[in-house]
Amino acid sequence: MANSSRQLRGTDETFLQLMQLSGAGLLKLAGFPAEIAEHYEFRAVEFKEKQLQRPDVEGIPVLETMNTRVTIEFQGYTDKYIRYRTLNSMLQICLKSRDEKPVIGIIVYTEKRYQTAALALDKLIPVLEKESRLIQELILTDYSEAELLAVDPRLIVLAPFTVSPKLDKAILKQKVVQWRDHIDKCYPATEELSEALNIIGLLLLNRFRDLSHQEIIDMLNLDLMQSRAGREIYQMGQTEGEQRGEQRGEQRGEQRGKQAGLAEGKQAGLAEGKQAGLIEGERLVVTRLLERRFGKLPVTLQARLEQATLIELEQWSVDLLTATCFEDIFKTQ
């Protein structure tokens, strides 16, 4: 899931978002007491000098009574040096911080095979033979959905790892609906709810690679309507779009009606207004989702959205599911 370029985009960015949203739950899964796990904040770390390896996420304690920092590596591909890279990240944080606070390293493997492929620390550095507990390790596929929820309900976003990637499509669709219902209850704030849906959506796209991209999108679109955030965004866009479209259509219809008859013009105007309403509604939905993912839109992209066709808007809404930046969606034609 992470890639070799190690840039803070794509799944790396998703895992940072995951830790900021549900990091306390994952620390509990790693054995941290609840009263400690709940008092960490998480950030991305970049070591710029000589392109040194950075951890995916660093956890900083927020209470004065705590001083242990945490580095977290999410491992979703085969890298036999992952333990050494994690150890390097821990050492670099110690050197950069200029203090004597201890650091704990955690590796979160998405599958058992990635842990099996990793070299033991004493393979290249024999002196570390007795330091087997230097780094804590978790394997997400080792847990059932019930076990995750028992540790912390917020870990429902990791539910895609609790089922086989070859799960029957019909059963998976039912599972996704259940997970969305659980997320609705677990994240009452609309902003957090939207982030949780984004996380589980991306994990689903990555986990079930035997399904086509369109099949996953269909499941997500279906379940979008099952979620409060999805309904709110969609309904706001459709309502506003239909209102604007009907107004435009009626105005155009009335103008045509003066020439070809009021009844005929009104009918044409309503038809055109309905089409305009669909376009305006889709445009507002895409605009709101873009702003939630990437922030305020540049003026050039606002103008492009205003001129977009319905086909373009629908394609951009699909591209939004896996995009990491504006450029991934608004590709040069």
Protein backbone atom coordinates (compact mmCIF):
# COMPACT_ATOMS: atom_id res chain seq x y z
CA MET A 1 0.00 0.00 0.00
CA ALA A 2 2.85 2.36 0.64
CA ASN A 3 5.17 2.91 -2.33
CA SER A 4 8.90 3.05 -2.74
CA SER A 5 9.00 6.79 -3.44
CA ARG A 6 7.95 7.45 0.15
CA GLN A 7 6.32 10.78 -0.67
CA LEU A 8 3.63 12.06 1.64
CA ARG A 9 0.83 11.32 -0.77
CA GLY A 10 -1.56 8.51 -1.55
CA THR A 11 -1.66 5.87 1.14
CA ASP A 12 1.01 7.55 3.29
CA GLU A 13 -1.29 10.54 3.54
CA THR A 14 -4.21 8.21 4.22
CA PHE A 15 -2.35 6.55 7.11
CA LEU A 16 -1.53 9.96 8.62
CA GLN A 17 -5.22 10.81 8.37
CA LEU A 18 -6.02 7.44 9.95
CA MET A 19 -3.74 8.13 12.93
CA GLN A 20 -5.11 11.62 13.43
CA LEU A 21 -8.64 10.22 13.43
CA SER A 22 -8.23 6.81 15.12
CA GLY A 23 -4.63 6.77 16.36
CA ALA A 24 -5.59 6.21 19.98
CA GLY A 25 -7.33 2.99 18.98
CA LEU A 26 -4.28 1.71 17.13
CA LEU A 27 -2.00 2.51 20.09
CA LYS A 28 -4.36 0.52 22.29
CA LEU A 29 -4.06 -2.34 19.81
CA ALA A 30 -0.29 -2.10 20.31
CA GLY A 31 -0.71 -2.48 24.08
CA PHE A 32 -0.78 1.15 25.25
CA PRO A 33 -3.09 1.73 28.24
CA ALA A 34 -6.19 3.71 27.29
CA GLU A 35 -5.34 6.63 29.57
CA ILE A 36 -2.03 7.04 27.71
CA ALA A 37 -3.15 6.18 24.17
CA GLU A 38 -5.82 8.89 24.23
CA HIS A 39 -3.24 11.64 24.78
CA TYR A 40 -1.11 11.53 21.65
CA GLU A 41 -1.17 13.77 18.61
CA PHE A 42 0.18 12.54 15.28
CA ARG A 43 2.10 14.22 12.49
CA ALA A 44 4.12 13.42 9.39
CA VAL A 45 7.87 13.71 9.71
CA GLU A 46 10.34 14.53 6.94
CA PHE A 47 14.11 14.20 7.30
CA LYS A 48 15.41 16.42 4.50
CA GLU A 49 19.16 16.24 5.01
CA LYS A 50 20.69 13.69 2.60
CA GLN A 51 17.21 12.33 1.86
CA LEU A 52 17.16 10.28 5.07
CA GLN A 53 14.30 7.84 5.52
CA ARG A 54 11.38 9.18 7.52
CA PRO A 55 8.69 7.27 9.41
CA ASP A 56 5.16 7.34 8.02
CA VAL A 57 3.84 8.95 11.20
CA GLU A 58 5.23 10.17 14.51
CA GLY A 59 3.18 10.27 17.71
CA ILE A 60 3.85 13.09 20.18
CA PRO A 61 2.60 12.86 23.80
CA VAL A 62 0.57 15.92 24.82
CA LEU A 63 0.67 15.50 28.59
CA GLU A 64 3.64 16.77 30.60
CA THR A 65 3.62 13.54 32.62
CA MET A 66 4.37 11.54 29.45
CA ASN A 67 7.58 11.72 27.45
CA THR A 68 7.70 8.65 25.19
CA ARG A 69 7.41 9.38 21.47
CA VAL A 70 6.19 6.86 18.92
CA THR A 71 7.12 6.22 15.29
CA ILE A 72 4.67 4.22 13.19
CA GLU A 73 5.47 2.51 9.89
CA PHE A 74 2.58 1.10 7.82
CA GLN A 75 3.90 -1.75 5.70
CA GLY A 76 1.76 -2.86 2.76
CA TYR A 77 4.41 -4.30 0.46
CA THR A 78 7.47 -6.56 0.70
CA ASP A 79 10.54 -4.82 2.13
CA LYS A 80 13.05 -7.05 3.87
CA TYR A 81 14.77 -4.01 5.41
CA ILE A 82 11.64 -2.51 7.02
CA ARG A 83 12.87 -3.22 10.57
CA TYR A 84 16.20 -1.54 9.84
CA ARG A 85 14.47 1.46 8.27
CA THR A 86 12.22 1.76 11.32
CA LEU A 87 15.22 1.60 13.63
CA ASN A 88 16.92 4.28 11.51
CA SER A 89 13.84 6.50 11.80
CA MET A 90 13.87 6.10 15.59
CA LEU A 91 17.55 7.06 15.76
CA GLN A 92 17.06 10.06 13.48
CA ILE A 93 14.22 11.37 15.65
CA CYS A 94 16.45 11.09 18.69
CA LEU A 95 19.23 13.01 16.93
CA LYS A 96 16.92 15.69 15.56
CA SER A 97 14.97 16.32 18.77
CA ARG A 98 18.06 17.24 20.83
CA ASP A 99 16.51 15.87 24.02
CA GLU A 100 16.56 12.58 25.93
CA LYS A 101 12.97 11.45 25.45
CA PRO A 102 12.64 7.72 24.64
CA VAL A 103 11.23 6.55 21.30
CA ILE A 104 9.12 3.46 20.59
CA GLY A 105 8.94 2.04 17.06
CA ILE A 106 5.81 0.32 15.75
CA ILE A 107 5.41 -1.48 12.42
CA VAL A 108 1.85 -2.14 11.23
CA TYR A 109 1.82 -4.85 8.56
CA THR A 110 -1.31 -5.09 6.44
CA GLU A 111 -0.62 -8.81 5.84
CA LYS A 112 1.41 -11.56 7.50
CA ARG A 113 3.57 -12.18 4.41
CA TYR A 114 5.12 -8.72 4.68
CA GLN A 115 6.28 -9.44 8.21
CA THR A 116 7.61 -12.86 7.17
CA ALA A 117 9.69 -11.26 4.42
CA ALA A 118 11.38 -8.79 6.81
CA LEU A 119 14.93 -9.55 7.97
CA ALA A 120 15.47 -9.96 11.73
CA LEU A 121 17.46 -7.15 13.32
CA ASP A 122 20.27 -9.52 14.27
CA LYS A 123 20.66 -10.75 10.68
CA LEU A 124 22.91 -7.82 9.77
CA ILE A 125 23.69 -6.53 13.26
CA PRO A 126 24.36 -9.58 15.50
CA VAL A 127 24.62 -7.44 18.63
CA LEU A 128 20.86 -6.85 18.39
CA GLU A 129 20.11 -10.52 19.00
CA LYS A 130 18.75 -9.81 22.48
CA GLU A 131 16.77 -6.77 21.35
CA SER A 132 13.83 -8.61 19.77
CA ARG A 133 11.38 -6.29 21.58
CA LEU A 134 13.06 -3.14 20.31
CA ILE A 135 10.26 -2.68 17.77
CA GLN A 136 6.61 -3.59 18.31
CA GLU A 137 4.75 -5.18 15.40
CA LEU A 138 1.07 -5.58 14.47
CA ILE A 139 -0.48 -7.57 11.62
CA LEU A 140 -3.91 -6.21 10.69
CA THR A 141 -5.13 -9.44 9.10
CA ASP A 142 -4.59 -11.25 12.43
CA TYR A 143 -7.60 -9.47 13.95
CA SER A 144 -11.31 -10.10 13.54
CA GLU A 145 -13.77 -7.23 13.26
CA ALA A 146 -15.06 -8.04 16.75
CA GLU A 147 -11.54 -7.91 18.20
CA LEU A 148 -10.87 -4.50 16.65
CA LEU A 149 -14.14 -3.08 17.96
CA ALA A 150 -13.51 -4.51 21.42
CA VAL A 151 -10.24 -2.57 21.58
CA ASP A 152 -11.73 0.67 20.22
CA PRO A 153 -14.89 1.21 18.08
CA ARG A 154 -12.97 3.79 16.00
CA LEU A 155 -10.92 0.94 14.51
CA ILE A 156 -13.91 0.05 12.32
CA VAL A 157 -12.04 1.89 9.53
CA LEU A 158 -9.60 -1.06 9.47
CA ALA A 159 -12.42 -3.56 8.92
CA PRO A 160 -11.47 -4.30 5.27
CA PHE A 161 -8.42 -6.19 6.59
CA THR A 162 -10.59 -8.54 8.67
CA VAL A 163 -12.08 -10.29 5.63
CA SER A 164 -10.55 -12.22 2.76
CA PRO A 165 -9.76 -10.23 -0.41
CA LYS A 166 -11.57 -13.04 -2.25
CA LEU A 167 -14.81 -12.57 -0.31
CA ASP A 168 -17.98 -13.08 -2.36
CA LYS A 169 -19.09 -9.78 -3.90
CA ALA A 170 -22.61 -9.94 -2.52
CA ILE A 171 -21.34 -10.62 1.01
CA LEU A 172 -18.76 -7.84 0.68
CA LYS A 173 -21.47 -5.38 -0.33
CA GLN A 174 -23.44 -6.31 2.80
CA LYS A 175 -20.29 -5.91 4.90
CA VAL A 176 -19.63 -2.45 3.48
CA VAL A 177 -23.15 -1.32 4.39
CA GLN A 178 -22.64 -2.59 7.96
CA TRP A 179 -19.28 -0.85 8.23
CA ARG A 180 -20.78 2.40 7.01
CA ASP A 181 -23.58 2.15 9.57
CA HIS A 182 -20.99 1.61 12.30
CA ILE A 183 -18.95 4.59 11.12
CA ASP A 184 -22.07 6.77 11.18
CA LYS A 185 -22.53 5.95 14.87
CA CYS A 186 -18.86 6.19 15.78
CA TYR A 187 -18.12 9.57 14.19
CA PRO A 188 -20.98 12.01 14.91
CA ALA A 189 -19.09 15.08 13.65
CA THR A 190 -19.63 15.55 9.91
CA GLU A 191 -15.97 16.42 9.20
CA GLU A 192 -14.63 13.34 11.04
CA LEU A 193 -17.30 11.19 9.42
CA SER A 194 -16.19 12.34 5.99
CA GLU A 195 -12.54 11.55 6.83
CA ALA A 196 -13.45 8.08 8.13
CA LEU A 197 -15.38 7.31 4.94
CA ASN A 198 -12.45 8.48 2.84
CA ILE A 199 -10.06 6.20 4.77
CA ILE A 200 -12.16 3.05 4.58
CA GLY A 201 -12.95 3.76 0.93
CA LEU A 202 -9.26 3.89 -0.02
CA LEU A 203 -8.48 0.78 2.03
CA LEU A 204 -11.29 -1.07 0.25
CA LEU A 205 -9.96 -0.04 -3.15
CA ASN A 206 -6.52 -1.34 -2.25
CA ARG A 207 -7.56 -4.49 -0.39
CA PHE A 208 -9.91 -5.99 -2.99
CA ARG A 209 -7.70 -5.93 -6.07
CA ASP A 210 -9.45 -8.89 -7.68
CA LEU A 211 -12.52 -6.73 -8.20
CA SER A 212 -12.67 -4.21 -11.02
CA HIS A 213 -12.30 -0.53 -10.22
CA GLN A 214 -15.88 0.08 -11.35
CA GLU A 215 -17.25 -2.63 -9.05
CA ILE A 216 -15.60 -1.02 -6.04
CA ILE A 217 -16.85 2.41 -7.12
CA ASP A 218 -20.39 1.06 -7.45
CA MET A 219 -20.21 -0.30 -3.91
CA LEU A 220 -18.89 2.98 -2.59
CA ASN A 221 -21.52 5.01 -4.44
CA LEU A 222 -24.24 2.74 -3.08
CA ASP A 223 -22.91 3.04 0.42
CA LEU A 224 -22.35 6.78 0.09
CA MET A 225 -26.10 7.14 0.27
CA GLN A 226 -26.08 5.00 3.43
CA SER A 227 -23.91 7.54 5.23
CA ARG A 228 -24.96 10.82 6.76
CA ALA A 229 -22.07 12.78 5.24
CA GLY A 230 -22.76 11.37 1.79
CA ARG A 231 -26.46 12.14 1.99
CA GLU A 232 -25.81 15.68 3.21
CA ILE A 233 -23.31 16.50 0.47
CA TYR A 234 -25.36 14.86 -2.27
CA GLN A 235 -28.70 16.33 -1.21
CA MET A 236 -27.31 19.84 -0.81
CA GLY A 237 -25.79 19.69 -4.28
CA GLN A 238 -28.85 18.20 -5.94
CA THR A 239 -31.30 20.62 -4.28
CA GLU A 240 -29.29 23.71 -5.10
CA GLY A 241 -28.56 22.45 -8.59
CA GLU A 242 -32.16 21.64 -9.40
CA GLN A 243 -33.33 25.01 -8.15
CA ARG A 244 -30.79 26.87 -10.27
CA GLY A 245 -31.46 24.64 -13.27
CA GLU A 246 -35.22 25.08 -13.06
CA GLN A 247 -34.84 28.85 -12.83
CA ARG A 248 -32.59 28.94 -15.90
CA GLY A 249 -34.85 26.56 -17.77
CA GLU A 250 -37.98 28.53 -17.04
CA GLN A 251 -36.34 31.75 -18.20
CA ARG A 252 -35.17 30.16 -21.45
CA GLY A 253 -38.52 28.46 -21.92
CA GLU A 254 -40.44 31.69 -21.50
CA GLN A 255 -38.27 33.40 -24.12
CA ARG A 256 -38.90 30.60 -26.61
CA GLY A 257 -42.55 30.58 -25.71
CA LYS A 258 -43.01 34.10 -27.02
CA GLN A 259 -42.04 32.87 -30.48
CA ALA A 260 -43.41 29.32 -30.60
CA GLY A 261 -46.24 29.51 -28.09
CA LEU A 262 -46.26 29.71 -24.31
CA ALA A 263 -47.18 26.03 -23.71
CA GLU A 264 -44.57 24.65 -26.07
CA GLY A 265 -41.91 26.98 -24.67
CA LYS A 266 -42.64 26.06 -21.07
CA GLN A 267 -42.34 22.34 -21.87
CA ALA A 268 -39.01 22.86 -23.63
CA GLY A 269 -37.82 25.04 -20.79
CA LEU A 270 -38.66 22.44 -18.17
CA ALA A 271 -36.79 19.74 -20.10
CA GLU A 272 -33.77 21.98 -20.51
CA GLY A 273 -34.05 23.04 -16.90
CA LYS A 274 -34.01 19.43 -15.73
CA GLN A 275 -30.81 18.77 -17.70
CA ALA A 276 -29.25 21.98 -16.41
CA GLY A 277 -30.27 20.97 -12.90
CA LEU A 278 -28.52 17.62 -13.20
CA ILE A 279 -25.35 19.32 -14.42
CA GLU A 280 -25.46 21.99 -11.71
CA GLY A 281 -26.14 19.41 -9.02
CA GLU A 282 -23.23 17.23 -10.12
CA ARG A 283 -21.00 20.31 -10.32
CA LEU A 284 -21.81 21.30 -6.73
CA VAL A 285 -21.22 17.76 -5.46
CA VAL A 286 -17.82 17.56 -7.17
CA THR A 287 -16.90 21.04 -5.93
CA ARG A 288 -17.78 20.22 -2.31
CA LEU A 289 -15.88 16.93 -2.39
CA LEU A 290 -12.82 18.61 -3.93
CA GLU A 291 -12.82 21.28 -1.24
CA ARG A 292 -13.14 18.67 1.50
CA ARG A 293 -10.21 16.66 0.09
CA PHE A 294 -7.82 19.40 -1.04
CA GLY A 295 -9.03 22.75 0.29
CA LYS A 296 -9.96 25.93 -1.61
CA LEU A 297 -10.03 25.53 -5.39
CA PRO A 298 -7.75 27.65 -7.61
CA VAL A 299 -9.57 30.18 -9.81
CA THR A 300 -8.60 28.26 -12.96
CA LEU A 301 -10.23 25.08 -11.67
CA GLN A 302 -13.36 26.97 -10.61
CA ALA A 303 -13.69 28.25 -14.18
CA ARG A 304 -13.15 24.76 -15.56
CA LEU A 305 -15.88 23.36 -13.32
CA GLU A 306 -18.29 26.06 -14.50
CA GLN A 307 -17.77 25.05 -18.15
CA ALA A 308 -17.75 21.27 -17.57
CA THR A 309 -20.19 18.88 -19.21
CA LEU A 310 -22.15 16.27 -17.29
CA ILE A 311 -19.88 13.51 -18.64
CA GLU A 312 -16.77 15.36 -17.44
CA LEU A 313 -18.25 15.98 -14.00
CA GLU A 314 -19.23 12.32 -13.60
CA GLN A 315 -15.71 11.19 -14.58
CA TRP A 316 -14.11 13.62 -12.11
CA SER A 317 -16.34 12.32 -9.30
CA VAL A 318 -14.98 8.82 -10.05
CA ASP A 319 -11.37 10.05 -10.19
CA LEU A 320 -11.85 11.70 -6.78
CA LEU A 321 -11.91 8.30 -5.08
CA THR A 322 -8.21 7.64 -5.71
CA ALA A 323 -6.79 11.11 -6.44
CA THR A 324 -4.04 12.50 -4.21
CA CYS A 325 -3.99 16.03 -5.67
CA PHE A 326 -5.83 18.29 -8.12
CA GLU A 327 -3.55 17.21 -10.97
CA ASP A 328 -4.72 13.59 -10.68
CA ILE A 329 -8.25 14.70 -11.57
CA PHE A 330 -7.80 17.64 -13.94
CA LYS A 331 -5.30 16.00 -16.25
CA THR A 332 -4.13 17.89 -19.28
CA GLN A 333 -6.24 16.81 -22.20
